[in-house]
Amino acid sequence: MERSLSFHISGKRNFALWRCFNFECGWAGQVFAHNSTTSDGVDQLGRMGSPRILTEESLNLEPLGDMLAAYFAKRMISKDTLKRNHVMQMAGDQIIIAFTYRQNGILIGCKYRTLEKRFWQEKGTDKVLYGLDDVREADEIIIAKGEIDKLSLEEAGIPNCVSVPNGAPQAITSKELLPPEEDTRFSYLWNCKELLDKASRIVLATDGDLPGQALAEELARRLGRERCWQVCWPKKDEFSSYKDANEVLVNLGAEALKKAIECAVPYEMQNLN
């Protein structure tokens, strides 16, 4: 009885797409009018359990419309930054942002977000850092929690930045690290290990709340505390600080955000206790 299944037929009625927006499901697929069968063939296309080739057409993506462009403008994200990062939207009646994940310019994954902050990702794809191509030759890499924070850092003139694909954990996962093949929540680090190993300095620009601190610790444990630095977000008032890169950009401006990154402190010094 859950209203989670979306079914779309193209205007020319030559193909159909469907997707279940239940986070635990993610069932999706497509069928073309010239297909002679609509049973076995549909099921094979619809159930995705292994890495596959993605295209903007197969994911039913289109350029951002005016409503989402205005939404990002309020977040101080320009159209140029959105275009450079191939931020799109899902075609259809619902307003859904599509953050496309690319490696060597090739579409390899997609994360979706509604304006009500509901998230889900394409299944059957390898997890990687968002903006991976922007740090391919970087000696210093800035890692943020979310895609909008990565875009915010670009607005502050910081191109060598990425964000994690699946947000922050509520707490430290375990006292001992799992072997890479079992460390599924952080598989995006192991999938990008060769690139990350080239960086001599990694700046953790995660959120200032408890999950953000837990994420910083999990990243530092895997990347090496000795080469990690941590951002301390500017004070909002006597009792609190701004939460993340986008809050700083919106409230204090690009220069304040850039300064916060430049003033990051060594992770081990920030976490002596």
C-alpha atoms as a PDB file:
ATOM      1  CA  MET A   1       0.000   0.000   0.000  1.00  0.00           C
ATOM      2  CA  GLU A   2       3.042   2.273   0.104  1.00  0.00           C
ATOM      3  CA  ARG A   3       3.069   4.989  -2.597  1.00  0.00           C
ATOM      4  CA  SER A   4       6.707   4.494  -3.512  1.00  0.00           C
ATOM      5  CA  LEU A   5       6.589   3.193  -7.080  1.00  0.00           C
ATOM      6  CA  SER A   6       7.028   5.715  -9.901  1.00  0.00           C
ATOM      7  CA  PHE A   7       6.216   4.694 -13.466  1.00  0.00           C
ATOM      8  CA  HIS A   8       6.963   6.985 -16.431  1.00  0.00           C
ATOM      9  CA  ILE A   9       6.041   6.587 -20.105  1.00  0.00           C
ATOM     10  CA  SER A  10       7.888   8.852 -22.552  1.00  0.00           C
ATOM     11  CA  GLY A  11       5.976  11.503 -24.491  1.00  0.00           C
ATOM     12  CA  LYS A  12       6.435   9.565 -27.736  1.00  0.00           C
ATOM     13  CA  ARG A  13       5.360   6.359 -25.929  1.00  0.00           C
ATOM     14  CA  ASN A  14       8.447   4.544 -27.186  1.00  0.00           C
ATOM     15  CA  PHE A  15       9.822   3.534 -23.783  1.00  0.00           C
ATOM     16  CA  ALA A  16       8.883   3.356 -20.102  1.00  0.00           C
ATOM     17  CA  LEU A  17      10.889   3.734 -16.904  1.00  0.00           C
ATOM     18  CA  TRP A  18      10.021   2.717 -13.363  1.00  0.00           C
ATOM     19  CA  ARG A  19      11.603   3.126  -9.954  1.00  0.00           C
ATOM     20  CA  CYS A  20      10.697   2.245  -6.387  1.00  0.00           C
ATOM     21  CA  PHE A  21      11.640   5.090  -4.047  1.00  0.00           C
ATOM     22  CA  ASN A  22      11.578   2.898  -0.962  1.00  0.00           C
ATOM     23  CA  PHE A  23      15.142   3.211   0.381  1.00  0.00           C
ATOM     24  CA  GLU A  24      15.335  -0.505   1.175  1.00  0.00           C
ATOM     25  CA  CYS A  25      14.162  -1.498  -2.297  1.00  0.00           C
ATOM     26  CA  GLY A  26      15.437   0.682  -5.137  1.00  0.00           C
ATOM     27  CA  TRP A  27      13.922  -1.594  -7.807  1.00  0.00           C
ATOM     28  CA  ALA A  28      14.272   0.148 -11.171  1.00  0.00           C
ATOM     29  CA  GLY A  29      14.387  -0.542 -14.874  1.00  0.00           C
ATOM     30  CA  GLN A  30      13.178   0.287 -18.363  1.00  0.00           C
ATOM     31  CA  VAL A  31      11.496  -1.302 -21.360  1.00  0.00           C
ATOM     32  CA  PHE A  32      11.288  -0.194 -24.996  1.00  0.00           C
ATOM     33  CA  ALA A  33       8.266  -0.362 -27.293  1.00  0.00           C
ATOM     34  CA  HIS A  34      10.086  -2.549 -29.813  1.00  0.00           C
ATOM     35  CA  ASN A  35      10.724  -5.285 -27.194  1.00  0.00           C
ATOM     36  CA  SER A  36       8.680  -8.350 -28.031  1.00  0.00           C
ATOM     37  CA  THR A  37       8.367  -9.446 -24.406  1.00  0.00           C
ATOM     38  CA  THR A  38       7.324  -7.625 -21.254  1.00  0.00           C
ATOM     39  CA  SER A  39       7.918 -10.318 -18.643  1.00  0.00           C
ATOM     40  CA  ASP A  40      11.312 -12.004 -18.510  1.00  0.00           C
ATOM     41  CA  GLY A  41      13.029  -9.137 -20.297  1.00  0.00           C
ATOM     42  CA  VAL A  42      11.545  -6.568 -17.951  1.00  0.00           C
ATOM     43  CA  ASP A  43      12.609  -8.479 -14.880  1.00  0.00           C
ATOM     44  CA  GLN A  44      16.180  -8.785 -16.120  1.00  0.00           C
ATOM     45  CA  LEU A  45      16.380  -5.055 -16.795  1.00  0.00           C
ATOM     46  CA  GLY A  46      14.657  -4.098 -13.594  1.00  0.00           C
ATOM     47  CA  ARG A  47      16.596  -5.964 -10.931  1.00  0.00           C
ATOM     48  CA  MET A  48      20.059  -4.532 -10.615  1.00  0.00           C
ATOM     49  CA  GLY A  49      22.514  -6.433  -8.463  1.00  0.00           C
ATOM     50  CA  SER A  50      25.855  -5.778 -10.170  1.00  0.00           C
ATOM     51  CA  PRO A  51      27.754  -2.779 -11.591  1.00  0.00           C
ATOM     52  CA  ARG A  52      26.203  -1.647 -14.838  1.00  0.00           C
ATOM     53  CA  ILE A  53      26.540   0.965 -17.545  1.00  0.00           C
ATOM     54  CA  LEU A  54      24.631   4.151 -16.754  1.00  0.00           C
ATOM     55  CA  THR A  55      23.540   6.994 -19.006  1.00  0.00           C
ATOM     56  CA  GLU A  56      21.555  10.148 -18.346  1.00  0.00           C
ATOM     57  CA  GLU A  57      18.847   8.720 -20.595  1.00  0.00           C
ATOM     58  CA  SER A  58      18.634   5.386 -18.793  1.00  0.00           C
ATOM     59  CA  LEU A  59      18.302   7.215 -15.461  1.00  0.00           C
ATOM     60  CA  ASN A  60      15.670   9.537 -16.921  1.00  0.00           C
ATOM     61  CA  LEU A  61      17.641  12.683 -16.076  1.00  0.00           C
ATOM     62  CA  GLU A  62      17.248  16.174 -17.476  1.00  0.00           C
ATOM     63  CA  PRO A  63      18.854  19.613 -16.915  1.00  0.00           C
ATOM     64  CA  LEU A  64      17.836  21.523 -13.789  1.00  0.00           C
ATOM     65  CA  GLY A  65      14.611  23.490 -14.118  1.00  0.00           C
ATOM     66  CA  ASP A  66      13.909  26.969 -12.808  1.00  0.00           C
ATOM     67  CA  MET A  67      12.580  25.758  -9.439  1.00  0.00           C
ATOM     68  CA  LEU A  68      15.743  23.857  -8.546  1.00  0.00           C
ATOM     69  CA  ALA A  69      17.983  26.564  -9.978  1.00  0.00           C
ATOM     70  CA  ALA A  70      16.259  28.990  -7.591  1.00  0.00           C
ATOM     71  CA  TYR A  71      16.655  26.504  -4.724  1.00  0.00           C
ATOM     72  CA  PHE A  72      20.407  26.311  -5.296  1.00  0.00           C
ATOM     73  CA  ALA A  73      20.639  30.085  -5.728  1.00  0.00           C
ATOM     74  CA  LYS A  74      19.299  30.448  -2.172  1.00  0.00           C
ATOM     75  CA  ARG A  75      22.079  28.112  -1.087  1.00  0.00           C
ATOM     76  CA  MET A  76      24.553  30.415  -2.908  1.00  0.00           C
ATOM     77  CA  ILE A  77      25.385  27.767  -5.523  1.00  0.00           C
ATOM     78  CA  SER A  78      25.744  29.271  -9.011  1.00  0.00           C
ATOM     79  CA  LYS A  79      24.498  27.831 -12.291  1.00  0.00           C
ATOM     80  CA  ASP A  80      28.098  27.537 -13.518  1.00  0.00           C
ATOM     81  CA  THR A  81      29.061  25.357 -10.554  1.00  0.00           C
ATOM     82  CA  LEU A  82      25.955  23.206 -10.996  1.00  0.00           C
ATOM     83  CA  LYS A  83      26.683  22.756 -14.698  1.00  0.00           C
ATOM     84  CA  ARG A  84      30.351  21.926 -14.159  1.00  0.00           C
ATOM     85  CA  ASN A  85      29.369  19.231 -11.657  1.00  0.00           C
ATOM     86  CA  HIS A  86      26.607  17.869 -13.905  1.00  0.00           C
ATOM     87  CA  VAL A  87      23.912  18.390 -11.262  1.00  0.00           C
ATOM     88  CA  MET A  88      20.614  17.404 -12.891  1.00  0.00           C
ATOM     89  CA  GLN A  89      17.080  16.474 -11.957  1.00  0.00           C
ATOM     90  CA  MET A  90      14.880  13.462 -12.514  1.00  0.00           C
ATOM     91  CA  ALA A  91      12.339  13.940 -15.273  1.00  0.00           C
ATOM     92  CA  GLY A  92       8.700  13.720 -14.282  1.00  0.00           C
ATOM     93  CA  ASP A  93       6.213  15.395 -11.974  1.00  0.00           C
ATOM     94  CA  GLN A  94       8.289  15.126  -8.794  1.00  0.00           C
ATOM     95  CA  ILE A  95      11.045  17.628  -7.982  1.00  0.00           C
ATOM     96  CA  ILE A  96      14.103  15.438  -7.397  1.00  0.00           C
ATOM     97  CA  ILE A  97      17.740  16.560  -7.532  1.00  0.00           C
ATOM     98  CA  ALA A  98      20.203  14.154  -9.164  1.00  0.00           C
ATOM     99  CA  PHE A  99      23.851  14.423  -8.129  1.00  0.00           C
ATOM    100  CA  THR A 100      25.675  12.464 -10.831  1.00  0.00           C
ATOM    101  CA  TYR A 101      28.841  10.657  -9.794  1.00  0.00           C
ATOM    102  CA  ARG A 102      31.526  10.483 -12.473  1.00  0.00           C
ATOM    103  CA  GLN A 103      34.952   8.921 -12.845  1.00  0.00           C
ATOM    104  CA  ASN A 104      37.192   9.952 -15.735  1.00  0.00           C
ATOM    105  CA  GLY A 105      34.175  11.852 -17.007  1.00  0.00           C
ATOM    106  CA  ILE A 106      32.026   8.707 -17.185  1.00  0.00           C
ATOM    107  CA  LEU A 107      28.728   8.444 -15.308  1.00  0.00           C
ATOM    108  CA  ILE A 108      29.112   5.665 -12.731  1.00  0.00           C
ATOM    109  CA  GLY A 109      26.497   6.483 -10.090  1.00  0.00           C
ATOM    110  CA  CYS A 110      23.768   8.863  -9.016  1.00  0.00           C
ATOM    111  CA  LYS A 111      22.425  10.113  -5.694  1.00  0.00           C
ATOM    112  CA  TYR A 112      18.940  11.576  -5.466  1.00  0.00           C
ATOM    113  CA  ARG A 113      17.553  14.150  -3.047  1.00  0.00           C
ATOM    114  CA  THR A 114      14.112  15.656  -2.596  1.00  0.00           C
ATOM    115  CA  LEU A 115      13.625  19.159  -1.237  1.00  0.00           C
ATOM    116  CA  GLU A 116      12.374  17.464   1.941  1.00  0.00           C
ATOM    117  CA  LYS A 117      15.861  15.939   2.394  1.00  0.00           C
ATOM    118  CA  ARG A 118      14.987  12.380   1.418  1.00  0.00           C
ATOM    119  CA  PHE A 119      17.973  10.584  -0.104  1.00  0.00           C
ATOM    120  CA  TRP A 120      18.592   7.413  -2.092  1.00  0.00           C
ATOM    121  CA  GLN A 121      21.179   6.121  -4.566  1.00  0.00           C
ATOM    122  CA  GLU A 122      21.362   3.979  -7.640  1.00  0.00           C
ATOM    123  CA  LYS A 123      21.868   0.370  -6.662  1.00  0.00           C
ATOM    124  CA  GLY A 124      24.363  -1.954  -8.263  1.00  0.00           C
ATOM    125  CA  THR A 125      27.060   0.711  -8.592  1.00  0.00           C
ATOM    126  CA  ASP A 126      30.478   1.043  -6.985  1.00  0.00           C
ATOM    127  CA  LYS A 127      30.595   3.733  -4.292  1.00  0.00           C
ATOM    128  CA  VAL A 128      33.152   6.506  -4.818  1.00  0.00           C
ATOM    129  CA  LEU A 129      33.726  10.046  -3.568  1.00  0.00           C
ATOM    130  CA  TYR A 130      31.608  12.762  -5.161  1.00  0.00           C
ATOM    131  CA  GLY A 131      33.768  14.992  -7.368  1.00  0.00           C
ATOM    132  CA  LEU A 132      36.477  12.384  -7.731  1.00  0.00           C
ATOM    133  CA  ASP A 133      37.905  13.841 -10.946  1.00  0.00           C
ATOM    134  CA  ASP A 134      38.512  17.194  -9.213  1.00  0.00           C
ATOM    135  CA  VAL A 135      41.204  15.738  -6.939  1.00  0.00           C
ATOM    136  CA  ARG A 136      42.908  13.349  -9.324  1.00  0.00           C
ATOM    137  CA  GLU A 137      46.178  15.316  -9.283  1.00  0.00           C
ATOM    138  CA  ALA A 138      45.744  17.084  -5.928  1.00  0.00           C
ATOM    139  CA  ASP A 139      48.348  16.902  -3.185  1.00  0.00           C
ATOM    140  CA  GLU A 140      45.782  18.345  -0.747  1.00  0.00           C
ATOM    141  CA  ILE A 141      42.212  17.035  -0.674  1.00  0.00           C
ATOM    142  CA  ILE A 142      39.266  18.510   1.232  1.00  0.00           C
ATOM    143  CA  ILE A 143      36.539  16.024   2.191  1.00  0.00           C
ATOM    144  CA  ALA A 144      33.035  17.252   3.104  1.00  0.00           C
ATOM    145  CA  LYS A 145      29.978  15.336   4.239  1.00  0.00           C
ATOM    146  CA  GLY A 146      27.518  16.158   1.474  1.00  0.00           C
ATOM    147  CA  GLU A 147      27.307  17.138  -2.170  1.00  0.00           C
ATOM    148  CA  ILE A 148      26.007  20.651  -1.445  1.00  0.00           C
ATOM    149  CA  ASP A 149      28.981  21.243   0.873  1.00  0.00           C
ATOM    150  CA  LYS A 150      31.341  20.165  -1.923  1.00  0.00           C
ATOM    151  CA  LEU A 151      29.627  22.622  -4.288  1.00  0.00           C
ATOM    152  CA  SER A 152      29.879  25.320  -1.601  1.00  0.00           C
ATOM    153  CA  LEU A 153      33.629  24.825  -1.342  1.00  0.00           C
ATOM    154  CA  GLU A 154      33.911  25.316  -5.088  1.00  0.00           C
ATOM    155  CA  GLU A 155      32.018  28.599  -4.752  1.00  0.00           C
ATOM    156  CA  ALA A 156      34.703  29.672  -2.268  1.00  0.00           C
ATOM    157  CA  GLY A 157      37.406  29.024  -4.869  1.00  0.00           C
ATOM    158  CA  ILE A 158      38.426  25.614  -3.535  1.00  0.00           C
ATOM    159  CA  PRO A 159      38.312  23.137  -6.451  1.00  0.00           C
ATOM    160  CA  ASN A 160      40.237  20.257  -4.826  1.00  0.00           C
ATOM    161  CA  CYS A 161      37.291  18.973  -2.812  1.00  0.00           C
ATOM    162  CA  VAL A 162      35.048  15.917  -2.656  1.00  0.00           C
ATOM    163  CA  SER A 163      32.223  14.649  -0.465  1.00  0.00           C
ATOM    164  CA  VAL A 164      31.294  11.235   0.852  1.00  0.00           C
ATOM    165  CA  PRO A 165      28.369   9.459  -0.832  1.00  0.00           C
ATOM    166  CA  ASN A 166      26.422   8.203   2.167  1.00  0.00           C
ATOM    167  CA  GLY A 167      26.492  10.868   4.869  1.00  0.00           C
ATOM    168  CA  ALA A 168      27.728  10.506   8.424  1.00  0.00           C
ATOM    169  CA  PRO A 169      27.348   7.620  10.870  1.00  0.00           C
ATOM    170  CA  GLN A 170      25.587   8.301  14.143  1.00  0.00           C
ATOM    171  CA  ALA A 171      28.583   7.011  16.082  1.00  0.00           C
ATOM    172  CA  ILE A 172      31.973   5.315  15.653  1.00  0.00           C
ATOM    173  CA  THR A 173      31.275   1.937  14.079  1.00  0.00           C
ATOM    174  CA  SER A 174      33.718  -0.198  16.076  1.00  0.00           C
ATOM    175  CA  LYS A 175      36.945  -0.013  18.014  1.00  0.00           C
ATOM    176  CA  GLU A 176      38.867  -2.083  15.461  1.00  0.00           C
ATOM    177  CA  LEU A 177      38.867  -1.466  11.725  1.00  0.00           C
ATOM    178  CA  LEU A 178      37.368  -4.119   9.503  1.00  0.00           C
ATOM    179  CA  PRO A 179      39.361  -5.557   6.586  1.00  0.00           C
ATOM    180  CA  PRO A 180      38.735  -3.525   3.393  1.00  0.00           C
ATOM    181  CA  GLU A 181      36.600  -6.258   1.823  1.00  0.00           C
ATOM    182  CA  GLU A 182      34.259  -6.174   4.858  1.00  0.00           C
ATOM    183  CA  ASP A 183      34.296  -2.409   5.418  1.00  0.00           C
ATOM    184  CA  THR A 184      31.238  -1.863   3.241  1.00  0.00           C
ATOM    185  CA  ARG A 185      30.053   1.464   4.693  1.00  0.00           C
ATOM    186  CA  PHE A 186      33.381   3.031   3.783  1.00  0.00           C
ATOM    187  CA  SER A 187      33.942   1.127   0.552  1.00  0.00           C
ATOM    188  CA  TYR A 188      34.181   4.489  -1.232  1.00  0.00           C
ATOM    189  CA  LEU A 189      37.533   5.078   0.504  1.00  0.00           C
ATOM    190  CA  TRP A 190      38.940   1.717  -0.562  1.00  0.00           C
ATOM    191  CA  ASN A 191      37.603   2.187  -4.101  1.00  0.00           C
ATOM    192  CA  CYS A 192      39.499   5.515  -4.249  1.00  0.00           C
ATOM    193  CA  LYS A 193      42.540   4.356  -2.279  1.00  0.00           C
ATOM    194  CA  GLU A 194      45.078   4.754  -5.065  1.00  0.00           C
ATOM    195  CA  LEU A 195      44.057   8.366  -5.588  1.00  0.00           C
ATOM    196  CA  LEU A 196      43.836   9.195  -1.870  1.00  0.00           C
ATOM    197  CA  ASP A 197      47.256   7.686  -1.208  1.00  0.00           C
ATOM    198  CA  LYS A 198      48.806  10.385  -3.414  1.00  0.00           C
ATOM    199  CA  ALA A 199      47.653  13.194  -1.115  1.00  0.00           C
ATOM    200  CA  SER A 200      50.053  14.337   1.579  1.00  0.00           C
ATOM    201  CA  ARG A 201      47.409  16.422   3.376  1.00  0.00           C
ATOM    202  CA  ILE A 202      43.688  15.679   3.781  1.00  0.00           C
ATOM    203  CA  VAL A 203      41.389  18.319   5.288  1.00  0.00           C
ATOM    204  CA  LEU A 204      38.263  16.956   6.982  1.00  0.00           C
ATOM    205  CA  ALA A 205      35.500  19.519   6.474  1.00  0.00           C
ATOM    206  CA  THR A 206      32.716  17.404   7.963  1.00  0.00           C
ATOM    207  CA  ASP A 207      29.704  18.768   9.854  1.00  0.00           C
ATOM    208  CA  GLY A 208      30.229  20.191  13.319  1.00  0.00           C
ATOM    209  CA  ASP A 209      27.554  18.023  14.962  1.00  0.00           C
ATOM    210  CA  LEU A 210      28.150  14.639  16.624  1.00  0.00           C
ATOM    211  CA  PRO A 211      27.620  12.545  13.461  1.00  0.00           C
ATOM    212  CA  GLY A 212      29.999  14.884  11.627  1.00  0.00           C
ATOM    213  CA  GLN A 213      32.615  14.347  14.315  1.00  0.00           C
ATOM    214  CA  ALA A 214      32.080  10.585  14.091  1.00  0.00           C
ATOM    215  CA  LEU A 215      32.577  10.747  10.328  1.00  0.00           C
ATOM    216  CA  ALA A 216      35.800  12.728  10.764  1.00  0.00           C
ATOM    217  CA  GLU A 217      37.117  10.096  13.153  1.00  0.00           C
ATOM    218  CA  GLU A 218      36.175   7.230  10.832  1.00  0.00           C
ATOM    219  CA  LEU A 219      37.897   8.959   7.909  1.00  0.00           C
ATOM    220  CA  ALA A 220      41.014   9.788   9.928  1.00  0.00           C
ATOM    221  CA  ARG A 221      41.325   6.198  11.156  1.00  0.00           C
ATOM    222  CA  ARG A 222      41.357   4.909   7.596  1.00  0.00           C
ATOM    223  CA  LEU A 223      43.323   7.699   5.915  1.00  0.00           C
ATOM    224  CA  GLY A 224      45.943   8.137   8.648  1.00  0.00           C
ATOM    225  CA  ARG A 225      45.571  10.704  11.426  1.00  0.00           C
ATOM    226  CA  GLU A 226      49.065  12.045  10.800  1.00  0.00           C
ATOM    227  CA  ARG A 227      48.103  13.528   7.413  1.00  0.00           C
ATOM    228  CA  CYS A 228      44.594  14.681   8.371  1.00  0.00           C
ATOM    229  CA  TRP A 229      43.597  18.204   9.368  1.00  0.00           C
ATOM    230  CA  GLN A 230      40.210  19.245  10.713  1.00  0.00           C
ATOM    231  CA  VAL A 231      38.114  22.341  10.038  1.00  0.00           C
ATOM    232  CA  CYS A 232      36.611  24.259  12.967  1.00  0.00           C
ATOM    233  CA  TRP A 233      33.570  26.126  11.683  1.00  0.00           C
ATOM    234  CA  PRO A 234      33.181  29.817  12.679  1.00  0.00           C
ATOM    235  CA  LYS A 235      31.161  30.802  15.719  1.00  0.00           C
ATOM    236  CA  LYS A 236      27.501  31.643  15.136  1.00  0.00           C
ATOM    237  CA  ASP A 237      27.059  33.131  18.600  1.00  0.00           C
ATOM    238  CA  GLU A 238      28.400  32.680  22.103  1.00  0.00           C
ATOM    239  CA  PHE A 239      26.998  29.185  22.411  1.00  0.00           C
ATOM    240  CA  SER A 240      27.116  27.634  18.932  1.00  0.00           C
ATOM    241  CA  SER A 241      28.991  27.424  15.633  1.00  0.00           C
ATOM    242  CA  TYR A 242      27.890  27.101  12.046  1.00  0.00           C
ATOM    243  CA  LYS A 243      27.222  23.478  11.129  1.00  0.00           C
ATOM    244  CA  ASP A 244      28.811  23.003   7.715  1.00  0.00           C
ATOM    245  CA  ALA A 245      30.355  24.579   4.623  1.00  0.00           C
ATOM    246  CA  ASN A 246      27.063  25.671   3.104  1.00  0.00           C
ATOM    247  CA  GLU A 247      25.882  27.381   6.295  1.00  0.00           C
ATOM    248  CA  VAL A 248      29.116  29.359   6.372  1.00  0.00           C
ATOM    249  CA  LEU A 249      28.813  30.259   2.676  1.00  0.00           C
ATOM    250  CA  VAL A 250      25.194  31.428   3.008  1.00  0.00           C
ATOM    251  CA  ASN A 251      25.647  33.376   6.239  1.00  0.00           C
ATOM    252  CA  LEU A 252      29.226  34.655   6.103  1.00  0.00           C
ATOM    253  CA  GLY A 253      30.217  34.452   2.450  1.00  0.00           C
ATOM    254  CA  ALA A 254      32.857  32.794   0.293  1.00  0.00           C
ATOM    255  CA  GLU A 255      35.864  34.467   1.913  1.00  0.00           C
ATOM    256  CA  ALA A 256      34.856  33.289   5.389  1.00  0.00           C
ATOM    257  CA  LEU A 257      34.451  29.739   4.090  1.00  0.00           C
ATOM    258  CA  LYS A 258      37.840  29.836   2.391  1.00  0.00           C
ATOM    259  CA  LYS A 259      39.443  31.146   5.579  1.00  0.00           C
ATOM    260  CA  ALA A 260      37.865  28.362   7.648  1.00  0.00           C
ATOM    261  CA  ILE A 261      39.451  25.771   5.362  1.00  0.00           C
ATOM    262  CA  GLU A 262      42.820  27.529   5.451  1.00  0.00           C
ATOM    263  CA  CYS A 263      42.725  27.621   9.270  1.00  0.00           C
ATOM    264  CA  ALA A 264      42.193  23.862   9.672  1.00  0.00           C
ATOM    265  CA  VAL A 265      44.279  22.365  12.485  1.00  0.00           C
ATOM    266  CA  PRO A 266      46.122  19.039  12.632  1.00  0.00           C
ATOM    267  CA  TYR A 267      43.605  16.314  13.472  1.00  0.00           C
ATOM    268  CA  GLU A 268      45.710  14.809  16.231  1.00  0.00           C
ATOM    269  CA  MET A 269      46.092  18.216  17.905  1.00  0.00           C
ATOM    270  CA  GLN A 270      42.344  18.904  17.667  1.00  0.00           C
ATOM    271  CA  ASN A 271      41.500  15.508  19.192  1.00  0.00           C
ATOM    272  CA  LEU A 272      44.105  15.096  21.921  1.00  0.00           C
ATOM    273  CA  ASN A 273      41.443  14.299  24.458  1.00  0.00           C
END
